[in-house]
N, C-alpha and C. Protein backbone atom coordinates (compact mmCIF):
# COMPACT_ATOMS: atom_id res chain seq x y z
N MET A 1 75.20 3.40 -56.67
CA MET A 1 74.36 4.12 -55.91
C MET A 1 74.08 5.35 -56.42
N LYS A 2 75.90 6.13 -56.80
CA LYS A 2 75.51 7.83 -57.08
C LYS A 2 74.75 7.69 -58.28
N MET A 3 74.61 7.05 -58.96
CA MET A 3 73.73 7.12 -60.56
C MET A 3 72.37 7.22 -59.95
N SER A 4 72.01 6.40 -59.41
CA SER A 4 70.35 6.57 -58.83
C SER A 4 70.04 7.52 -58.13
N ILE A 5 70.95 8.55 -57.47
CA ILE A 5 70.44 9.63 -56.78
C ILE A 5 70.58 10.89 -57.62
N SER A 6 71.60 10.88 -58.69
CA SER A 6 71.59 11.90 -59.37
C SER A 6 70.68 12.03 -60.61
N SER A 7 70.21 10.64 -60.81
CA SER A 7 68.98 10.29 -61.63
C SER A 7 67.88 10.62 -61.24
N GLY A 8 67.66 10.65 -60.06
CA GLY A 8 66.60 10.98 -59.04
C GLY A 8 65.98 12.87 -59.31
N LYS A 9 67.74 13.35 -58.82
CA LYS A 9 67.42 14.62 -59.01
C LYS A 9 67.01 15.24 -60.25
N ARG A 10 67.45 14.55 -61.32
CA ARG A 10 67.79 15.08 -62.76
C ARG A 10 65.76 14.97 -62.93
N ALA A 11 65.52 13.47 -62.44
CA ALA A 11 64.21 13.28 -62.50
C ALA A 11 62.86 14.24 -62.22
N ARG A 12 63.62 14.92 -61.21
CA ARG A 12 62.67 15.86 -60.15
C ARG A 12 62.57 17.46 -61.15
N ARG A 13 64.12 17.65 -61.62
CA ARG A 13 64.33 19.00 -62.64
C ARG A 13 63.45 18.92 -63.47
N ASN A 14 63.50 17.38 -64.17
CA ASN A 14 62.63 17.35 -65.35
C ASN A 14 60.96 17.83 -65.10
N ASN A 15 60.46 16.96 -64.02
CA ASN A 15 58.87 17.67 -63.93
C ASN A 15 59.03 18.87 -63.50
N ASN A 16 59.73 19.66 -62.69
CA ASN A 16 59.40 20.98 -62.49
C ASN A 16 59.80 21.88 -63.86
N MET A 17 60.34 21.54 -64.62
CA MET A 17 60.65 22.25 -65.85
C MET A 17 59.23 21.82 -67.00
N THR A 18 59.08 20.69 -66.99
CA THR A 18 57.69 20.11 -67.79
C THR A 18 56.69 21.28 -67.05
N LYS A 19 56.53 21.37 -65.89
CA LYS A 19 55.05 22.06 -65.18
C LYS A 19 55.32 23.33 -65.78
N LEU A 20 56.26 24.23 -65.84
CA LEU A 20 56.47 25.31 -65.97
C LEU A 20 56.29 25.59 -67.72
N ASN A 21 56.99 24.54 -68.50
CA ASN A 21 56.45 24.39 -69.81
C ASN A 21 54.84 24.15 -70.34
N ARG A 22 54.23 23.35 -69.24
CA ARG A 22 52.93 23.07 -69.74
C ARG A 22 52.18 24.49 -69.09
N ASP A 23 52.71 25.17 -68.00
CA ASP A 23 51.96 26.63 -67.58
C ASP A 23 52.13 27.69 -69.10
N LYS A 24 52.94 27.60 -69.68
CA LYS A 24 53.74 28.64 -70.66
C LYS A 24 52.62 28.12 -71.74
N ARG A 25 52.67 26.71 -72.21
CA ARG A 25 52.02 26.44 -73.66
C ARG A 25 50.28 26.74 -73.15
N ARG A 26 49.73 26.30 -72.04
CA ARG A 26 48.52 26.78 -71.92
C ARG A 26 48.34 28.14 -72.07
N GLN A 27 49.02 29.43 -71.29
CA GLN A 27 49.11 31.03 -71.64
C GLN A 27 48.99 31.04 -72.94
N ASN A 28 50.06 30.61 -73.87
CA ASN A 28 49.89 30.88 -75.20
C ASN A 28 48.83 30.64 -76.02
N ARG A 29 48.25 29.36 -75.61
CA ARG A 29 46.99 28.75 -76.20
C ARG A 29 45.78 29.46 -76.15
N VAL A 30 45.97 29.73 -74.96
CA VAL A 30 44.54 30.68 -74.78
C VAL A 30 44.81 32.21 -75.13
N ARG A 31 45.84 32.73 -75.33
CA ARG A 31 46.02 33.86 -75.66
C ARG A 31 46.00 34.06 -77.32
N LYS A 32 46.66 32.93 -78.10
CA LYS A 32 46.18 32.66 -79.61
C LYS A 32 44.73 32.57 -79.86
N ASP A 33 44.07 31.80 -79.00
CA ASP A 33 42.97 31.33 -79.45
C ASP A 33 41.94 32.80 -79.40
N LEU A 34 42.25 33.75 -78.42
CA LEU A 34 41.50 34.84 -78.09
C LEU A 34 41.78 35.91 -79.19
N LYS A 35 43.46 35.93 -79.32
CA LYS A 35 43.79 36.96 -80.44
C LYS A 35 42.80 36.91 -81.65
N THR A 36 42.87 35.74 -81.94
CA THR A 36 42.36 35.38 -83.39
C THR A 36 40.91 35.38 -83.48
N LYS A 37 40.13 35.47 -82.26
CA LYS A 37 38.47 35.76 -82.19
C LYS A 37 38.32 36.92 -81.90
N SER A 38 39.33 37.87 -81.29
CA SER A 38 38.84 38.97 -80.68
C SER A 38 38.69 40.37 -81.48
N GLY A 39 39.67 40.43 -82.64
CA GLY A 39 39.31 41.61 -83.63
C GLY A 39 40.50 42.36 -83.07
N ASP A 40 40.02 43.64 -82.77
CA ASP A 40 40.82 44.85 -82.20
C ASP A 40 40.16 45.59 -80.94
N LYS A 41 39.78 44.44 -80.12
CA LYS A 41 39.61 44.64 -78.94
C LYS A 41 40.62 44.94 -78.11
N CYS A 42 40.56 45.59 -76.61
CA CYS A 42 41.54 45.54 -75.67
C CYS A 42 41.73 43.92 -74.94
N ARG A 43 42.64 44.15 -74.47
CA ARG A 43 42.52 42.87 -73.31
C ARG A 43 42.61 42.89 -71.99
N LEU A 44 41.85 42.32 -71.47
CA LEU A 44 41.64 42.35 -69.92
C LEU A 44 42.60 41.03 -69.30
N THR A 45 43.52 41.33 -68.99
CA THR A 45 44.92 40.10 -68.40
C THR A 45 44.52 40.20 -66.76
N VAL A 46 44.73 38.91 -66.43
CA VAL A 46 45.14 38.63 -65.38
C VAL A 46 46.53 38.10 -64.59
N PHE A 47 46.71 38.50 -63.78
CA PHE A 47 48.03 37.67 -62.94
C PHE A 47 47.50 37.54 -61.10
N ARG A 48 47.73 36.51 -60.96
CA ARG A 48 47.45 35.99 -59.23
C ARG A 48 48.64 35.19 -58.86
N SER A 49 48.98 36.11 -57.71
CA SER A 49 50.11 35.52 -57.22
C SER A 49 49.23 34.92 -55.41
N SER A 50 50.55 34.63 -54.93
CA SER A 50 49.86 33.61 -53.69
C SER A 50 49.06 34.85 -52.27
N LYS A 51 49.62 36.20 -53.05
CA LYS A 51 49.26 37.19 -51.68
C LYS A 51 48.15 38.43 -52.59
N HIS A 52 48.47 38.42 -53.83
CA HIS A 52 47.84 39.39 -54.77
C HIS A 52 47.12 39.27 -55.46
N ILE A 53 46.43 40.23 -56.23
CA ILE A 53 45.84 39.67 -57.43
C ILE A 53 45.68 41.03 -58.35
N TYR A 54 46.22 41.13 -59.80
CA TYR A 54 46.85 42.10 -60.45
C TYR A 54 45.73 41.94 -61.90
N ALA A 55 45.17 43.17 -62.28
CA ALA A 55 44.34 43.32 -63.75
C ALA A 55 45.15 44.34 -64.53
N GLN A 56 45.26 44.29 -65.54
CA GLN A 56 45.44 45.09 -66.78
C GLN A 56 44.42 45.24 -68.03
N ILE A 57 44.07 46.40 -68.47
CA ILE A 57 43.68 46.26 -69.87
C ILE A 57 44.65 46.96 -70.62
N ILE A 58 45.02 46.00 -71.93
CA ILE A 58 46.10 46.22 -72.99
C ILE A 58 45.46 46.41 -74.15
N ASP A 59 46.17 47.40 -74.65
CA ASP A 59 45.61 47.39 -76.26
C ASP A 59 46.98 46.96 -76.88
N ASP A 60 46.69 45.60 -77.52
CA ASP A 60 47.69 45.04 -78.43
C ASP A 60 48.05 45.97 -79.56
N VAL A 61 47.10 46.81 -80.20
CA VAL A 61 47.78 47.38 -81.16
C VAL A 61 48.81 48.22 -81.13
N SER A 62 48.90 48.93 -80.27
CA SER A 62 49.69 49.99 -79.55
C SER A 62 50.82 49.37 -78.84
N GLY A 63 50.22 48.16 -78.05
CA GLY A 63 51.28 47.66 -77.44
C GLY A 63 51.36 48.39 -76.02
N ARG A 64 50.38 49.06 -75.12
CA ARG A 64 50.59 49.61 -73.89
C ARG A 64 49.30 49.64 -73.07
N THR A 65 50.27 49.57 -71.80
CA THR A 65 48.73 49.39 -70.89
C THR A 65 47.87 50.73 -70.59
N ILE A 66 46.47 50.35 -70.57
CA ILE A 66 45.96 51.40 -70.50
C ILE A 66 45.77 51.98 -69.03
N VAL A 67 44.59 51.00 -68.63
CA VAL A 67 44.68 51.06 -67.15
C VAL A 67 45.02 49.83 -66.31
N SER A 68 44.98 49.76 -64.78
CA SER A 68 45.74 48.97 -64.34
C SER A 68 44.78 49.00 -62.89
N ALA A 69 44.74 47.72 -61.98
CA ALA A 69 44.29 47.79 -61.10
C ALA A 69 44.68 46.75 -60.12
N SER A 70 45.10 46.56 -58.94
CA SER A 70 45.42 45.58 -58.26
C SER A 70 45.11 45.46 -56.63
N SER A 71 45.00 44.39 -55.87
CA SER A 71 45.09 44.46 -54.33
C SER A 71 46.29 44.80 -53.73
N PHE A 72 47.28 45.20 -54.44
CA PHE A 72 48.55 45.58 -53.91
C PHE A 72 48.86 47.29 -54.01
N SER A 73 47.55 48.02 -55.12
CA SER A 73 47.74 49.59 -55.22
C SER A 73 47.05 50.37 -54.12
N LYS A 74 47.29 51.67 -54.28
CA LYS A 74 46.72 52.36 -53.11
C LYS A 74 45.25 52.54 -53.15
N ASP A 75 44.53 52.51 -54.52
CA ASP A 75 43.26 52.57 -54.86
C ASP A 75 42.57 51.46 -54.14
N PHE A 76 43.06 50.29 -53.74
CA PHE A 76 42.26 49.17 -53.12
C PHE A 76 42.40 49.63 -51.55
N LYS A 77 41.66 49.62 -51.00
CA LYS A 77 41.76 49.88 -49.51
C LYS A 77 41.66 48.93 -48.65
N GLU A 78 41.20 47.75 -48.68
CA GLU A 78 41.36 46.79 -48.05
C GLU A 78 42.29 45.72 -48.03
N LYS A 79 42.64 44.80 -47.00
CA LYS A 79 43.86 43.95 -47.45
C LYS A 79 43.43 42.54 -47.86
N GLY A 80 44.35 41.90 -48.28
CA GLY A 80 43.42 40.36 -48.83
C GLY A 80 43.32 40.40 -50.39
N SER A 81 43.57 39.11 -50.70
CA SER A 81 43.47 39.14 -52.22
C SER A 81 42.08 37.68 -52.26
N ASP A 82 41.22 37.74 -51.37
CA ASP A 82 40.54 36.40 -51.61
C ASP A 82 39.44 36.90 -52.52
N ILE A 83 38.64 35.96 -52.70
CA ILE A 83 37.63 35.91 -53.43
C ILE A 83 36.77 37.40 -53.32
N SER A 84 36.36 37.63 -52.44
CA SER A 84 35.66 39.08 -52.31
C SER A 84 36.87 40.21 -52.70
N GLY A 85 37.86 40.24 -52.13
CA GLY A 85 38.87 41.03 -52.72
C GLY A 85 39.20 40.92 -54.09
N ALA A 86 39.03 39.93 -54.92
CA ALA A 86 39.62 40.01 -56.38
C ALA A 86 38.14 40.41 -56.79
N SER A 87 36.94 40.37 -56.45
CA SER A 87 35.90 40.86 -56.80
C SER A 87 36.29 42.44 -56.92
N LYS A 88 36.58 42.99 -55.83
CA LYS A 88 36.90 44.51 -55.54
C LYS A 88 37.86 44.76 -56.40
N VAL A 89 38.94 44.07 -57.18
CA VAL A 89 39.83 44.50 -58.06
C VAL A 89 39.02 44.63 -59.08
N GLY A 90 38.38 43.71 -59.67
CA GLY A 90 37.23 43.53 -60.63
C GLY A 90 36.78 44.90 -61.08
N ASN A 91 36.02 45.19 -59.93
CA ASN A 91 34.94 46.62 -59.78
C ASN A 91 35.55 47.62 -59.91
N LEU A 92 37.00 47.95 -59.54
CA LEU A 92 38.17 48.68 -59.93
C LEU A 92 38.72 48.62 -61.19
N ILE A 93 39.09 47.51 -61.77
CA ILE A 93 39.29 47.88 -63.22
C ILE A 93 38.22 48.15 -64.24
N GLY A 94 36.95 47.60 -63.81
CA GLY A 94 35.88 47.95 -64.39
C GLY A 94 35.54 49.28 -64.62
N GLU A 95 35.49 49.97 -63.13
CA GLU A 95 35.35 51.56 -63.42
C GLU A 95 36.55 52.31 -64.15
N LYS A 96 37.59 51.98 -64.10
CA LYS A 96 38.51 52.63 -64.58
C LYS A 96 38.39 52.38 -66.09
N GLY A 97 37.93 51.09 -66.45
CA GLY A 97 38.13 51.16 -68.11
C GLY A 97 36.93 51.98 -68.39
N VAL A 98 35.83 51.95 -67.90
CA VAL A 98 34.67 52.80 -68.27
C VAL A 98 35.06 54.07 -68.33
N ASN A 99 35.71 54.68 -67.56
CA ASN A 99 36.13 55.81 -67.28
C ASN A 99 37.04 56.36 -68.40
N ALA A 100 37.82 55.47 -68.64
CA ALA A 100 38.78 55.47 -70.20
C ALA A 100 38.36 55.56 -71.45
N GLY A 101 36.84 55.01 -71.24
CA GLY A 101 36.28 54.73 -72.26
C GLY A 101 36.24 53.60 -73.37
N ILE A 102 36.31 52.57 -72.23
CA ILE A 102 36.58 51.21 -72.91
C ILE A 102 35.51 50.08 -72.15
N LYS A 103 34.50 50.05 -73.26
CA LYS A 103 33.38 49.00 -72.47
C LYS A 103 33.63 47.20 -73.28
N ASP A 104 33.97 47.35 -74.69
CA ASP A 104 34.13 46.20 -74.96
C ASP A 104 35.93 45.36 -74.70
N VAL A 105 36.24 44.35 -74.01
CA VAL A 105 37.38 43.94 -73.86
C VAL A 105 37.29 42.70 -74.01
N PHE A 106 38.34 41.70 -73.97
CA PHE A 106 38.44 40.03 -73.88
C PHE A 106 39.22 39.87 -72.68
N PHE A 107 38.77 38.65 -72.11
CA PHE A 107 39.28 38.15 -70.92
C PHE A 107 40.28 37.23 -71.39
N ASP A 108 41.53 37.68 -70.77
CA ASP A 108 42.61 36.66 -70.93
C ASP A 108 43.08 36.13 -69.67
N ARG A 109 42.66 34.98 -69.32
CA ARG A 109 42.66 34.42 -67.89
C ARG A 109 44.31 33.81 -67.80
N GLY A 110 45.06 34.00 -68.60
CA GLY A 110 46.62 33.25 -68.63
C GLY A 110 46.42 31.68 -68.68
N LYS A 111 47.39 31.65 -67.76
CA LYS A 111 47.36 30.47 -67.18
C LYS A 111 46.84 29.47 -66.45
N TYR A 112 45.69 30.68 -65.82
CA TYR A 112 45.12 30.03 -64.63
C TYR A 112 43.32 29.56 -65.19
N ARG A 113 42.81 28.97 -64.19
CA ARG A 113 41.73 28.45 -64.58
C ARG A 113 40.45 29.36 -64.52
N TYR A 114 39.51 29.05 -65.22
CA TYR A 114 38.51 30.18 -64.99
C TYR A 114 37.66 29.58 -63.51
N HIS A 115 38.36 30.09 -62.49
CA HIS A 115 37.81 29.20 -61.20
C HIS A 115 38.42 30.27 -59.92
N GLY A 116 37.37 30.42 -59.05
CA GLY A 116 37.95 31.09 -58.00
C GLY A 116 38.13 32.43 -58.00
N ARG A 117 39.30 33.11 -57.57
CA ARG A 117 39.56 34.26 -57.65
C ARG A 117 39.71 35.06 -58.79
N VAL A 118 39.90 34.32 -60.04
CA VAL A 118 39.77 34.68 -61.40
C VAL A 118 38.30 35.07 -61.83
N LYS A 119 37.69 34.03 -61.36
CA LYS A 119 36.19 34.02 -61.73
C LYS A 119 35.42 35.23 -61.22
N ALA A 120 35.95 35.44 -59.88
CA ALA A 120 35.61 36.80 -59.04
C ALA A 120 35.60 38.01 -59.78
N LEU A 121 37.32 38.08 -60.29
CA LEU A 121 37.49 39.28 -60.72
C LEU A 121 36.81 39.36 -61.91
N ALA A 122 36.40 38.27 -62.73
CA ALA A 122 35.94 38.93 -63.92
C ALA A 122 34.18 39.21 -64.01
N GLU A 123 33.67 38.46 -62.90
CA GLU A 123 32.53 38.88 -62.54
C GLU A 123 32.43 40.43 -62.10
N GLY A 124 33.08 40.79 -61.15
CA GLY A 124 33.29 42.01 -60.70
C GLY A 124 33.29 43.09 -62.09
N ALA A 125 34.50 42.79 -62.92
CA ALA A 125 34.62 43.71 -63.91
C ALA A 125 33.38 43.78 -64.60
N ARG A 126 32.36 42.46 -64.74
CA ARG A 126 31.29 42.37 -65.54
C ARG A 126 30.43 43.51 -64.91
N GLU A 127 30.17 43.42 -63.62
CA GLU A 127 29.07 44.29 -62.74
C GLU A 127 29.51 45.70 -62.78
N ALA A 128 30.77 46.30 -63.23
CA ALA A 128 31.10 47.58 -63.22
C ALA A 128 30.84 47.98 -64.56
N GLY A 129 30.73 47.38 -65.64
CA GLY A 129 30.38 47.79 -67.18
C GLY A 129 31.10 47.27 -68.11
N LEU A 130 32.02 46.57 -67.71
CA LEU A 130 32.67 45.88 -69.06
C LEU A 130 32.28 44.83 -69.56
N ILE A 131 32.13 44.94 -70.99
CA ILE A 131 31.45 43.83 -71.70
C ILE A 131 32.65 42.82 -72.30
N PHE A 132 32.52 41.71 -71.78
CA PHE A 132 32.97 40.32 -72.74
C PHE A 132 32.41 39.02 -72.16
C-alpha cells in the first residue's frame, strides 16, 4: 500500500516537472527561431504574471535592456493588467522605444501563446509605432 501512495506522489511530481520542461522548451524554440530570422534587430520580450504584465526591449548584441514598461511601474497610471491594461503597457513600451530611437523589433512572446493579454500588448506596441 505504501508503494502505491509514494508512486502516486512521484507521478504528480513528474507531471509538474514535465510542464516546466515543456514551457522552457517552447520558450527556447520560439527564441531560437526568432534569433535566426531577425538579424541585428532588438527584441521585445513579454513576461506575464497573474497580476501584472511586463515588457522589455533588449539589445542582444550588447546584452542590455534598452527600455522597459510594466503594469507595476510608476509610469502606469491605472490598476490591473487585463486586456485593456496590457494594451496600455504596449502603448507605453512603444512610445519609450520610439523615443529611444528604436522602430524595428522582433516580438518574443516567450512561452505564452499569442492570445489575450500578450496579443493586446503587441497590438498596443504596433499602434505606438513599433514595427514587427
